[in-house]
Amino acid sequence: MKFDVDLATGTVQAEFSLNEAQEILAALQAVRNGTVMPKPASAPPMWKMAVPSESDPDTSYETRIWFGFGGEMHYACQCGDAVYRKRFCKHLQRSNKVRVGLLAGLS
């Protein structure tokens, strides 16, 4: 799920997947009906890695990759491409390549 908050106008714009929308609607219906929603068994594991910058050797960016309960991939990086342009940046690509390589080595 992604949120964009505009403090100047006081508005919030949200973007979410179909699975997340179904979970939100089910939670709202449970609140309206007074029933309790079961909690997920556990939070999905998150991959974290610090990736050094190519242009500045003293700078590194923290990357995070995780998967939702529906299998959709979520990601975050501290660099400008990921934060402002909302792109899967080169730091995330490197981090994901290491993650996949380690997972392949475990099997």
PDB file of N, CA and C in Angstrom:
ATOM      1  N   MET A   1       0.840  -1.157   0.000  1.00  0.00           N
ATOM      2  CA  MET A   1       0.000   0.000   0.000  1.00  0.00           C
ATOM      3  C   MET A   1       0.897   1.235   0.000  1.00  0.00           C
ATOM      4  N   LYS A   2       0.560   2.204  -0.802  1.00  0.00           N
ATOM      5  CA  LYS A   2       1.342   3.434  -0.886  1.00  0.00           C
ATOM      6  C   LYS A   2       0.447   4.613  -0.502  1.00  0.00           C
ATOM      7  N   PHE A   3       1.005   5.558   0.223  1.00  0.00           N
ATOM      8  CA  PHE A   3       0.286   6.765   0.610  1.00  0.00           C
ATOM      9  C   PHE A   3       1.052   7.984   0.144  1.00  0.00           C
ATOM     10  N   ASP A   4       0.348   8.961  -0.367  1.00  0.00           N
ATOM     11  CA  ASP A   4       0.919  10.265  -0.658  1.00  0.00           C
ATOM     12  C   ASP A   4       0.124  11.286   0.154  1.00  0.00           C
ATOM     13  N   VAL A   5       0.823  12.025   1.001  1.00  0.00           N
ATOM     14  CA  VAL A   5       0.173  13.025   1.848  1.00  0.00           C
ATOM     15  C   VAL A   5       0.578  14.406   1.354  1.00  0.00           C
ATOM     16  N   ASP A   6      -0.405  15.236   1.065  1.00  0.00           N
ATOM     17  CA  ASP A   6      -0.161  16.608   0.651  1.00  0.00           C
ATOM     18  C   ASP A   6      -0.539  17.514   1.820  1.00  0.00           C
ATOM     19  N   LEU A   7       0.471  18.002   2.531  1.00  0.00           N
ATOM     20  CA  LEU A   7       0.213  18.821   3.712  1.00  0.00           C
ATOM     21  C   LEU A   7      -0.385  20.181   3.361  1.00  0.00           C
ATOM     22  N   ALA A   8      -0.055  20.688   2.182  1.00  0.00           N
ATOM     23  CA  ALA A   8      -0.562  21.998   1.781  1.00  0.00           C
ATOM     24  C   ALA A   8      -2.085  21.978   1.629  1.00  0.00           C
ATOM     25  N   THR A   9      -2.616  20.917   1.025  1.00  0.00           N
ATOM     26  CA  THR A   9      -4.072  20.847   0.811  1.00  0.00           C
ATOM     27  C   THR A   9      -4.775  19.974   1.837  1.00  0.00           C
ATOM     28  N   GLY A  10      -4.004  19.228   2.645  1.00  0.00           N
ATOM     29  CA  GLY A  10      -4.603  18.363   3.658  1.00  0.00           C
ATOM     30  C   GLY A  10      -5.272  17.135   3.064  1.00  0.00           C
ATOM     31  N   THR A  11      -4.737  16.637   1.947  1.00  0.00           N
ATOM     32  CA  THR A  11      -5.338  15.464   1.315  1.00  0.00           C
ATOM     33  C   THR A  11      -4.383  14.273   1.376  1.00  0.00           C
ATOM     34  N   VAL A  12      -4.960  13.081   1.298  1.00  0.00           N
ATOM     35  CA  VAL A  12      -4.197  11.836   1.278  1.00  0.00           C
ATOM     36  C   VAL A  12      -4.658  11.032   0.080  1.00  0.00           C
ATOM     37  N   GLN A  13      -3.701  10.526  -0.692  1.00  0.00           N
ATOM     38  CA  GLN A  13      -4.005   9.663  -1.825  1.00  0.00           C
ATOM     39  C   GLN A  13      -3.398   8.300  -1.528  1.00  0.00           C
ATOM     40  N   ALA A  14      -4.218   7.248  -1.651  1.00  0.00           N
ATOM     41  CA  ALA A  14      -3.748   5.895  -1.341  1.00  0.00           C
ATOM     42  C   ALA A  14      -3.832   5.021  -2.581  1.00  0.00           C
ATOM     43  N   GLU A  15      -2.855   4.134  -2.708  1.00  0.00           N
ATOM     44  CA  GLU A  15      -2.800   3.170  -3.799  1.00  0.00           C
ATOM     45  C   GLU A  15      -2.634   1.800  -3.172  1.00  0.00           C
ATOM     46  N   PHE A  16      -3.482   0.834  -3.537  1.00  0.00           N
ATOM     47  CA  PHE A  16      -3.340  -0.496  -2.973  1.00  0.00           C
ATOM     48  C   PHE A  16      -3.774  -1.544  -3.974  1.00  0.00           C
ATOM     49  N   SER A  17      -3.324  -2.792  -3.722  1.00  0.00           N
ATOM     50  CA  SER A  17      -3.630  -3.896  -4.625  1.00  0.00           C
ATOM     51  C   SER A  17      -5.043  -4.403  -4.390  1.00  0.00           C
ATOM     52  N   LEU A  18      -5.509  -5.265  -5.276  1.00  0.00           N
ATOM     53  CA  LEU A  18      -6.840  -5.848  -5.141  1.00  0.00           C
ATOM     54  C   LEU A  18      -6.937  -6.678  -3.863  1.00  0.00           C
ATOM     55  N   ASN A  19      -5.895  -7.433  -3.540  1.00  0.00           N
ATOM     56  CA  ASN A  19      -5.897  -8.227  -2.303  1.00  0.00           C
ATOM     57  C   ASN A  19      -5.996  -7.328  -1.076  1.00  0.00           C
ATOM     58  N   GLU A  20      -5.242  -6.227  -1.083  1.00  0.00           N
ATOM     59  CA  GLU A  20      -5.303  -5.289   0.035  1.00  0.00           C
ATOM     60  C   GLU A  20      -6.681  -4.652   0.135  1.00  0.00           C
ATOM     61  N   ALA A  21      -7.308  -4.361  -0.998  1.00  0.00           N
ATOM     62  CA  ALA A  21      -8.649  -3.778  -0.990  1.00  0.00           C
ATOM     63  C   ALA A  21      -9.648  -4.752  -0.376  1.00  0.00           C
ATOM     64  N   GLN A  22      -9.532  -6.031  -0.713  1.00  0.00           N
ATOM     65  CA  GLN A  22     -10.427  -7.033  -0.137  1.00  0.00           C
ATOM     66  C   GLN A  22     -10.229  -7.150   1.371  1.00  0.00           C
ATOM     67  N   GLU A  23      -8.976  -7.084   1.833  1.00  0.00           N
ATOM     68  CA  GLU A  23      -8.697  -7.133   3.268  1.00  0.00           C
ATOM     69  C   GLU A  23      -9.286  -5.915   3.979  1.00  0.00           C
ATOM     70  N   ILE A  24      -9.165  -4.744   3.362  1.00  0.00           N
ATOM     71  CA  ILE A  24      -9.702  -3.520   3.955  1.00  0.00           C
ATOM     72  C   ILE A  24     -11.219  -3.604   4.046  1.00  0.00           C
ATOM     73  N   LEU A  25     -11.877  -4.031   2.968  1.00  0.00           N
ATOM     74  CA  LEU A  25     -13.337  -4.156   2.980  1.00  0.00           C
ATOM     75  C   LEU A  25     -13.802  -5.184   4.014  1.00  0.00           C
ATOM     76  N   ALA A  26     -13.104  -6.306   4.128  1.00  0.00           N
ATOM     77  CA  ALA A  26     -13.464  -7.320   5.117  1.00  0.00           C
ATOM     78  C   ALA A  26     -13.319  -6.771   6.532  1.00  0.00           C
ATOM     79  N   ALA A  27     -12.262  -5.996   6.774  1.00  0.00           N
ATOM     80  CA  ALA A  27     -12.062  -5.397   8.096  1.00  0.00           C
ATOM     81  C   ALA A  27     -13.154  -4.383   8.409  1.00  0.00           C
ATOM     82  N   LEU A  28     -13.527  -3.567   7.421  1.00  0.00           N
ATOM     83  CA  LEU A  28     -14.599  -2.586   7.632  1.00  0.00           C
ATOM     84  C   LEU A  28     -15.934  -3.273   7.903  1.00  0.00           C
ATOM     85  N   GLN A  29     -16.217  -4.347   7.170  1.00  0.00           N
ATOM     86  CA  GLN A  29     -17.455  -5.096   7.398  1.00  0.00           C
ATOM     87  C   GLN A  29     -17.452  -5.741   8.779  1.00  0.00           C
ATOM     88  N   ALA A  30     -16.306  -6.239   9.222  1.00  0.00           N
ATOM     89  CA  ALA A  30     -16.215  -6.854  10.545  1.00  0.00           C
ATOM     90  C   ALA A  30     -16.474  -5.833  11.639  1.00  0.00           C
ATOM     91  N   VAL A  31     -15.962  -4.618  11.451  1.00  0.00           N
ATOM     92  CA  VAL A  31     -16.204  -3.562  12.432  1.00  0.00           C
ATOM     93  C   VAL A  31     -17.688  -3.202  12.452  1.00  0.00           C
ATOM     94  N   ARG A  32     -18.280  -3.080  11.279  1.00  0.00           N
ATOM     95  CA  ARG A  32     -19.708  -2.739  11.192  1.00  0.00           C
ATOM     96  C   ARG A  32     -20.573  -3.832  11.810  1.00  0.00           C
ATOM     97  N   ASN A  33     -20.222  -5.107  11.565  1.00  0.00           N
ATOM     98  CA  ASN A  33     -21.010  -6.227  12.075  1.00  0.00           C
ATOM     99  C   ASN A  33     -20.689  -6.571  13.525  1.00  0.00           C
ATOM    100  N   GLY A  34     -19.609  -6.025  14.048  1.00  0.00           N
ATOM    101  CA  GLY A  34     -19.223  -6.306  15.424  1.00  0.00           C
ATOM    102  C   GLY A  34     -18.492  -7.626  15.588  1.00  0.00           C
ATOM    103  N   THR A  35     -18.044  -8.225  14.489  1.00  0.00           N
ATOM    104  CA  THR A  35     -17.286  -9.475  14.583  1.00  0.00           C
ATOM    105  C   THR A  35     -15.802  -9.164  14.633  1.00  0.00           C
ATOM    106  N   VAL A  36     -15.035 -10.097  15.114  1.00  0.00           N
ATOM    107  CA  VAL A  36     -13.590  -9.905  15.242  1.00  0.00           C
ATOM    108  C   VAL A  36     -12.895 -10.594  14.074  1.00  0.00           C
ATOM    109  N   MET A  37     -11.996  -9.876  13.421  1.00  0.00           N
ATOM    110  CA  MET A  37     -11.214 -10.445  12.323  1.00  0.00           C
ATOM    111  C   MET A  37     -10.050 -11.257  12.907  1.00  0.00           C
ATOM    112  N   PRO A  38      -9.776 -12.444  12.349  1.00  0.00           N
ATOM    113  CA  PRO A  38      -8.601 -13.180  12.825  1.00  0.00           C
ATOM    114  C   PRO A  38      -7.325 -12.470  12.393  1.00  0.00           C
ATOM    115  N   LYS A  39      -6.348 -12.478  13.267  1.00  0.00           N
ATOM    116  CA  LYS A  39      -5.063 -11.852  12.942  1.00  0.00           C
ATOM    117  C   LYS A  39      -4.260 -12.792  12.056  1.00  0.00           C
ATOM    118  N   PRO A  40      -3.439 -12.246  11.154  1.00  0.00           N
ATOM    119  CA  PRO A  40      -2.565 -13.112  10.352  1.00  0.00           C
ATOM    120  C   PRO A  40      -1.630 -13.897  11.264  1.00  0.00           C
ATOM    121  N   ALA A  41      -1.224 -15.080  10.803  1.00  0.00           N
ATOM    122  CA  ALA A  41      -0.372 -15.956  11.609  1.00  0.00           C
ATOM    123  C   ALA A  41       0.922 -15.250  12.003  1.00  0.00           C
ATOM    124  N   SER A  42       1.568 -14.580  11.070  1.00  0.00           N
ATOM    125  CA  SER A  42       2.791 -13.839  11.366  1.00  0.00           C
ATOM    126  C   SER A  42       3.028 -12.828  10.258  1.00  0.00           C
ATOM    127  N   ALA A  43       3.813 -11.826  10.590  1.00  0.00           N
ATOM    128  CA  ALA A  43       4.144 -10.816   9.589  1.00  0.00           C
ATOM    129  C   ALA A  43       5.091 -11.429   8.559  1.00  0.00           C
ATOM    130  N   PRO A  44       4.959 -11.021   7.289  1.00  0.00           N
ATOM    131  CA  PRO A  44       5.874 -11.566   6.290  1.00  0.00           C
ATOM    132  C   PRO A  44       7.307 -11.121   6.564  1.00  0.00           C
ATOM    133  N   PRO A  45       8.297 -11.981   6.268  1.00  0.00           N
ATOM    134  CA  PRO A  45       9.690 -11.602   6.522  1.00  0.00           C
ATOM    135  C   PRO A  45      10.118 -10.438   5.626  1.00  0.00           C
ATOM    136  N   MET A  46      11.006  -9.617   6.160  1.00  0.00           N
ATOM    137  CA  MET A  46      11.491  -8.453   5.423  1.00  0.00           C
ATOM    138  C   MET A  46      12.994  -8.593   5.207  1.00  0.00           C
ATOM    139  N   TRP A  47      13.435  -8.325   3.993  1.00  0.00           N
ATOM    140  CA  TRP A  47      14.855  -8.335   3.633  1.00  0.00           C
ATOM    141  C   TRP A  47      15.351  -6.906   3.739  1.00  0.00           C
ATOM    142  N   LYS A  48      16.387  -6.688   4.556  1.00  0.00           N
ATOM    143  CA  LYS A  48      16.993  -5.361   4.698  1.00  0.00           C
ATOM    144  C   LYS A  48      18.462  -5.452   4.315  1.00  0.00           C
ATOM    145  N   MET A  49      18.932  -4.417   3.605  1.00  0.00           N
ATOM    146  CA  MET A  49      20.334  -4.401   3.200  1.00  0.00           C
ATOM    147  C   MET A  49      20.770  -2.956   2.937  1.00  0.00           C
ATOM    148  N   ALA A  50      21.977  -2.620   3.351  1.00  0.00           N
ATOM    149  CA  ALA A  50      22.554  -1.311   3.049  1.00  0.00           C
ATOM    150  C   ALA A  50      23.370  -1.450   1.771  1.00  0.00           C
ATOM    151  N   VAL A  51      23.022  -0.647   0.761  1.00  0.00           N
ATOM    152  CA  VAL A  51      23.692  -0.710  -0.538  1.00  0.00           C
ATOM    153  C   VAL A  51      24.505   0.572  -0.726  1.00  0.00           C
ATOM    154  N   PRO A  52      25.829   0.461  -0.966  1.00  0.00           N
ATOM    155  CA  PRO A  52      26.647   1.665  -1.134  1.00  0.00           C
ATOM    156  C   PRO A  52      26.313   2.403  -2.430  1.00  0.00           C
ATOM    157  N   SER A  53      26.473   3.718  -2.375  1.00  0.00           N
ATOM    158  CA  SER A  53      26.256   4.560  -3.547  1.00  0.00           C
ATOM    159  C   SER A  53      27.432   4.428  -4.503  1.00  0.00           C
ATOM    160  N   GLU A  54      27.154   4.456  -5.807  1.00  0.00           N
ATOM    161  CA  GLU A  54      28.233   4.397  -6.797  1.00  0.00           C
ATOM    162  C   GLU A  54      28.979   5.724  -6.878  1.00  0.00           C
ATOM    163  N   SER A  55      28.274   6.835  -6.710  1.00  0.00           N
ATOM    164  CA  SER A  55      28.889   8.153  -6.885  1.00  0.00           C
ATOM    165  C   SER A  55      29.584   8.661  -5.628  1.00  0.00           C
ATOM    166  N   ASP A  56      29.123   8.248  -4.443  1.00  0.00           N
ATOM    167  CA  ASP A  56      29.716   8.719  -3.190  1.00  0.00           C
ATOM    168  C   ASP A  56      30.024   7.513  -2.306  1.00  0.00           C
ATOM    169  N   PRO A  57      31.298   7.140  -2.162  1.00  0.00           N
ATOM    170  CA  PRO A  57      31.644   5.936  -1.402  1.00  0.00           C
ATOM    171  C   PRO A  57      31.299   6.025   0.085  1.00  0.00           C
ATOM    172  N   ASP A  58      31.092   7.232   0.605  1.00  0.00           N
ATOM    173  CA  ASP A  58      30.761   7.397   2.023  1.00  0.00           C
ATOM    174  C   ASP A  58      29.260   7.283   2.288  1.00  0.00           C
ATOM    175  N   THR A  59      28.461   7.135   1.239  1.00  0.00           N
ATOM    176  CA  THR A  59      27.007   7.081   1.383  1.00  0.00           C
ATOM    177  C   THR A  59      26.489   5.690   1.052  1.00  0.00           C
ATOM    178  N   SER A  60      25.552   5.231   1.856  1.00  0.00           N
ATOM    179  CA  SER A  60      24.866   3.979   1.536  1.00  0.00           C
ATOM    180  C   SER A  60      23.373   4.182   1.776  1.00  0.00           C
ATOM    181  N   TYR A  61      22.570   3.412   1.075  1.00  0.00           N
ATOM    182  CA  TYR A  61      21.121   3.532   1.164  1.00  0.00           C
ATOM    183  C   TYR A  61      20.544   2.252   1.742  1.00  0.00           C
ATOM    184  N   GLU A  62      19.651   2.401   2.721  1.00  0.00           N
ATOM    185  CA  GLU A  62      18.993   1.235   3.308  1.00  0.00           C
ATOM    186  C   GLU A  62      17.850   0.805   2.402  1.00  0.00           C
ATOM    187  N   THR A  63      17.856  -0.457   2.008  1.00  0.00           N
ATOM    188  CA  THR A  63      16.789  -1.006   1.172  1.00  0.00           C
ATOM    189  C   THR A  63      16.002  -2.022   1.992  1.00  0.00           C
ATOM    190  N   ARG A  64      14.709  -2.113   1.700  1.00  0.00           N
ATOM    191  CA  ARG A  64      13.844  -3.098   2.345  1.00  0.00           C
ATOM    192  C   ARG A  64      12.961  -3.723   1.277  1.00  0.00           C
ATOM    193  N   ILE A  65      12.866  -5.050   1.278  1.00  0.00           N
ATOM    194  CA  ILE A  65      12.016  -5.774   0.350  1.00  0.00           C
ATOM    195  C   ILE A  65      11.199  -6.763   1.166  1.00  0.00           C
ATOM    196  N   TRP A  66       9.882  -6.775   0.955  1.00  0.00           N
ATOM    197  CA  TRP A  66       9.032  -7.736   1.634  1.00  0.00           C
ATOM    198  C   TRP A  66       7.861  -8.076   0.720  1.00  0.00           C
ATOM    199  N   PHE A  67       7.185  -9.146   1.068  1.00  0.00           N
ATOM    200  CA  PHE A  67       6.064  -9.626   0.267  1.00  0.00           C
ATOM    201  C   PHE A  67       4.809  -9.639   1.124  1.00  0.00           C
ATOM    202  N   GLY A  68       3.702  -9.174   0.553  1.00  0.00           N
ATOM    203  CA  GLY A  68       2.433  -9.170   1.254  1.00  0.00           C
ATOM    204  C   GLY A  68       1.864 -10.577   1.348  1.00  0.00           C
ATOM    205  N   PHE A  69       0.784 -10.712   2.085  1.00  0.00           N
ATOM    206  CA  PHE A  69       0.164 -12.018   2.270  1.00  0.00           C
ATOM    207  C   PHE A  69      -0.401 -12.559   0.967  1.00  0.00           C
ATOM    208  N   GLY A  70      -0.693 -11.690   0.019  1.00  0.00           N
ATOM    209  CA  GLY A  70      -1.173 -12.124  -1.285  1.00  0.00           C
ATOM    210  C   GLY A  70      -0.045 -12.437  -2.261  1.00  0.00           C
ATOM    211  N   GLY A  71       1.210 -12.271  -1.837  1.00  0.00           N
ATOM    212  CA  GLY A  71       2.354 -12.569  -2.684  1.00  0.00           C
ATOM    213  C   GLY A  71       2.901 -11.368  -3.438  1.00  0.00           C
ATOM    214  N   GLU A  72       2.273 -10.200  -3.301  1.00  0.00           N
ATOM    215  CA  GLU A  72       2.755  -9.020  -4.018  1.00  0.00           C
ATOM    216  C   GLU A  72       4.018  -8.475  -3.335  1.00  0.00           C
ATOM    217  N   MET A  73       4.947  -8.011  -4.164  1.00  0.00           N
ATOM    218  CA  MET A  73       6.225  -7.513  -3.668  1.00  0.00           C
ATOM    219  C   MET A  73       6.117  -6.041  -3.310  1.00  0.00           C
ATOM    220  N   HIS A  74       6.655  -5.685  -2.146  1.00  0.00           N
ATOM    221  CA  HIS A  74       6.724  -4.294  -1.702  1.00  0.00           C
ATOM    222  C   HIS A  74       8.193  -3.962  -1.493  1.00  0.00           C
ATOM    223  N   TYR A  75       8.545  -2.706  -1.638  1.00  0.00           N
ATOM    224  CA  TYR A  75       9.945  -2.330  -1.509  1.00  0.00           C
ATOM    225  C   TYR A  75      10.062  -0.880  -1.065  1.00  0.00           C
ATOM    226  N   ALA A  76      11.215  -0.556  -0.489  1.00  0.00           N
ATOM    227  CA  ALA A  76      11.503   0.814  -0.076  1.00  0.00           C
ATOM    228  C   ALA A  76      13.011   1.017  -0.096  1.00  0.00           C
ATOM    229  N   CYS A  77      13.420   2.208  -0.473  1.00  0.00           N
ATOM    230  CA  CYS A  77      14.829   2.598  -0.467  1.00  0.00           C
ATOM    231  C   CYS A  77      14.892   4.072  -0.068  1.00  0.00           C
ATOM    232  N   GLN A  78      16.009   4.491   0.491  1.00  0.00           N
ATOM    233  CA  GLN A  78      16.162   5.871   0.929  1.00  0.00           C
ATOM    234  C   GLN A  78      16.586   6.819  -0.186  1.00  0.00           C
ATOM    235  N   CYS A  79      16.923   6.299  -1.366  1.00  0.00           N
ATOM    236  CA  CYS A  79      17.423   7.169  -2.431  1.00  0.00           C
ATOM    237  C   CYS A  79      16.279   7.978  -3.068  1.00  0.00           C
ATOM    238  N   GLY A  80      16.641   8.995  -3.820  1.00  0.00           N
ATOM    239  CA  GLY A  80      15.666   9.882  -4.450  1.00  0.00           C
ATOM    240  C   GLY A  80      14.779   9.195  -5.469  1.00  0.00           C
ATOM    241  N   ASP A  81      15.329   8.263  -6.240  1.00  0.00           N
ATOM    242  CA  ASP A  81      14.513   7.556  -7.234  1.00  0.00           C
ATOM    243  C   ASP A  81      13.355   6.821  -6.572  1.00  0.00           C
ATOM    244  N   ALA A  82      13.644   6.132  -5.481  1.00  0.00           N
ATOM    245  CA  ALA A  82      12.600   5.352  -4.808  1.00  0.00           C
ATOM    246  C   ALA A  82      11.644   6.248  -4.029  1.00  0.00           C
ATOM    247  N   VAL A  83      12.180   7.278  -3.364  1.00  0.00           N
ATOM    248  CA  VAL A  83      11.343   8.114  -2.509  1.00  0.00           C
ATOM    249  C   VAL A  83      10.464   9.061  -3.326  1.00  0.00           C
ATOM    250  N   TYR A  84      11.048   9.793  -4.255  1.00  0.00           N
ATOM    251  CA  TYR A  84      10.297  10.818  -4.962  1.00  0.00           C
ATOM    252  C   TYR A  84       9.685  10.333  -6.268  1.00  0.00           C
ATOM    253  N   ARG A  85      10.388   9.468  -6.987  1.00  0.00           N
ATOM    254  CA  ARG A  85       9.869   8.987  -8.272  1.00  0.00           C
ATOM    255  C   ARG A  85       9.122   7.669  -8.149  1.00  0.00           C
ATOM    256  N   LYS A  86       9.182   7.066  -6.955  1.00  0.00           N
ATOM    257  CA  LYS A  86       8.490   5.806  -6.666  1.00  0.00           C
ATOM    258  C   LYS A  86       8.853   4.719  -7.680  1.00  0.00           C
ATOM    259  N   ARG A  87      10.164   4.572  -7.889  1.00  0.00           N
ATOM    260  CA  ARG A  87      10.678   3.599  -8.853  1.00  0.00           C
ATOM    261  C   ARG A  87      11.453   2.505  -8.139  1.00  0.00           C
ATOM    262  N   PHE A  88      11.548   1.351  -8.795  1.00  0.00           N
ATOM    263  CA  PHE A  88      12.403   0.255  -8.328  1.00  0.00           C
ATOM    264  C   PHE A  88      13.811   0.624  -8.767  1.00  0.00           C
ATOM    265  N   CYS A  89      14.576   1.236  -7.868  1.00  0.00           N
ATOM    266  CA  CYS A  89      15.877   1.827  -8.205  1.00  0.00           C
ATOM    267  C   CYS A  89      16.980   0.781  -8.304  1.00  0.00           C
ATOM    268  N   LYS A  90      18.183   1.233  -8.693  1.00  0.00           N
ATOM    269  CA  LYS A  90      19.320   0.322  -8.866  1.00  0.00           C
ATOM    270  C   LYS A  90      19.776  -0.267  -7.533  1.00  0.00           C
ATOM    271  N   HIS A  91      19.567   0.443  -6.424  1.00  0.00           N
ATOM    272  CA  HIS A  91      19.939  -0.088  -5.115  1.00  0.00           C
ATOM    273  C   HIS A  91      19.029  -1.268  -4.758  1.00  0.00           C
ATOM    274  N   LEU A  92      17.750  -1.143  -5.067  1.00  0.00           N
ATOM    275  CA  LEU A  92      16.817  -2.239  -4.837  1.00  0.00           C
ATOM    276  C   LEU A  92      17.119  -3.415  -5.760  1.00  0.00           C
ATOM    277  N   GLN A  93      17.535  -3.120  -6.987  1.00  0.00           N
ATOM    278  CA  GLN A  93      17.898  -4.195  -7.911  1.00  0.00           C
ATOM    279  C   GLN A  93      19.082  -4.995  -7.369  1.00  0.00           C
ATOM    280  N   ARG A  94      20.106  -4.285  -6.867  1.00  0.00           N
ATOM    281  CA  ARG A  94      21.273  -4.972  -6.304  1.00  0.00           C
ATOM    282  C   ARG A  94      20.890  -5.771  -5.062  1.00  0.00           C
ATOM    283  N   SER A  95      20.093  -5.162  -4.201  1.00  0.00           N
ATOM    284  CA  SER A  95      19.663  -5.838  -2.984  1.00  0.00           C
ATOM    285  C   SER A  95      18.847  -7.088  -3.303  1.00  0.00           C
ATOM    286  N   ASN A  96      17.945  -6.985  -4.268  1.00  0.00           N
ATOM    287  CA  ASN A  96      17.115  -8.131  -4.649  1.00  0.00           C
ATOM    288  C   ASN A  96      17.962  -9.230  -5.282  1.00  0.00           C
ATOM    289  N   LYS A  97      18.981  -8.844  -6.054  1.00  0.00           N
ATOM    290  CA  LYS A  97      19.868  -9.835  -6.674  1.00  0.00           C
ATOM    291  C   LYS A  97      20.614 -10.628  -5.598  1.00  0.00           C
ATOM    292  N   VAL A  98      21.090  -9.949  -4.554  1.00  0.00           N
ATOM    293  CA  VAL A  98      21.764 -10.626  -3.452  1.00  0.00           C
ATOM    294  C   VAL A  98      20.785 -11.531  -2.714  1.00  0.00           C
ATOM    295  N   ARG A  99      19.565 -11.034  -2.466  1.00  0.00           N
ATOM    296  CA  ARG A  99      18.536 -11.818  -1.772  1.00  0.00           C
ATOM    297  C   ARG A  99      18.214 -13.096  -2.527  1.00  0.00           C
ATOM    298  N   VAL A 100      17.993 -12.976  -3.838  1.00  0.00           N
ATOM    299  CA  VAL A 100      17.668 -14.141  -4.677  1.00  0.00           C
ATOM    300  C   VAL A 100      18.847 -15.106  -4.721  1.00  0.00           C
ATOM    301  N   GLY A 101      20.066 -14.572  -4.809  1.00  0.00           N
ATOM    302  CA  GLY A 101      21.257 -15.424  -4.829  1.00  0.00           C
ATOM    303  C   GLY A 101      21.411 -16.213  -3.526  1.00  0.00           C
ATOM    304  N   LEU A 102      21.155 -15.561  -2.387  1.00  0.00           N
ATOM    305  CA  LEU A 102      21.234 -16.259  -1.114  1.00  0.00           C
ATOM    306  C   LEU A 102      20.146 -17.321  -0.993  1.00  0.00           C
ATOM    307  N   LEU A 103      18.939 -16.994  -1.439  1.00  0.00           N
ATOM    308  CA  LEU A 103      17.855 -17.978  -1.383  1.00  0.00           C
ATOM    309  C   LEU A 103      18.147 -19.172  -2.271  1.00  0.00           C
ATOM    310  N   ALA A 104      18.741 -18.931  -3.437  1.00  0.00           N
ATOM    311  CA  ALA A 104      19.086 -20.016  -4.353  1.00  0.00           C
ATOM    312  C   ALA A 104      20.175 -20.896  -3.745  1.00  0.00           C
ATOM    313  N   GLY A 105      21.104 -20.286  -3.001  1.00  0.00           N
ATOM    314  CA  GLY A 105      22.165 -21.043  -2.363  1.00  0.00           C
ATOM    315  C   GLY A 105      21.674 -21.905  -1.208  1.00  0.00           C
ATOM    316  N   LEU A 106      20.538 -21.497  -0.601  1.00  0.00           N
ATOM    317  CA  LEU A 106      19.993 -22.277   0.513  1.00  0.00           C
ATOM    318  C   LEU A 106      19.259 -23.522   0.044  1.00  0.00           C
ATOM    319  N   SER A 107      18.774 -23.510  -1.197  1.00  0.00           N
ATOM    320  CA  SER A 107      17.995 -24.666  -1.659  1.00  0.00           C
ATOM    321  C   SER A 107      18.836 -25.683  -2.407  1.00  0.00           C
TER     322      SER A 107
END
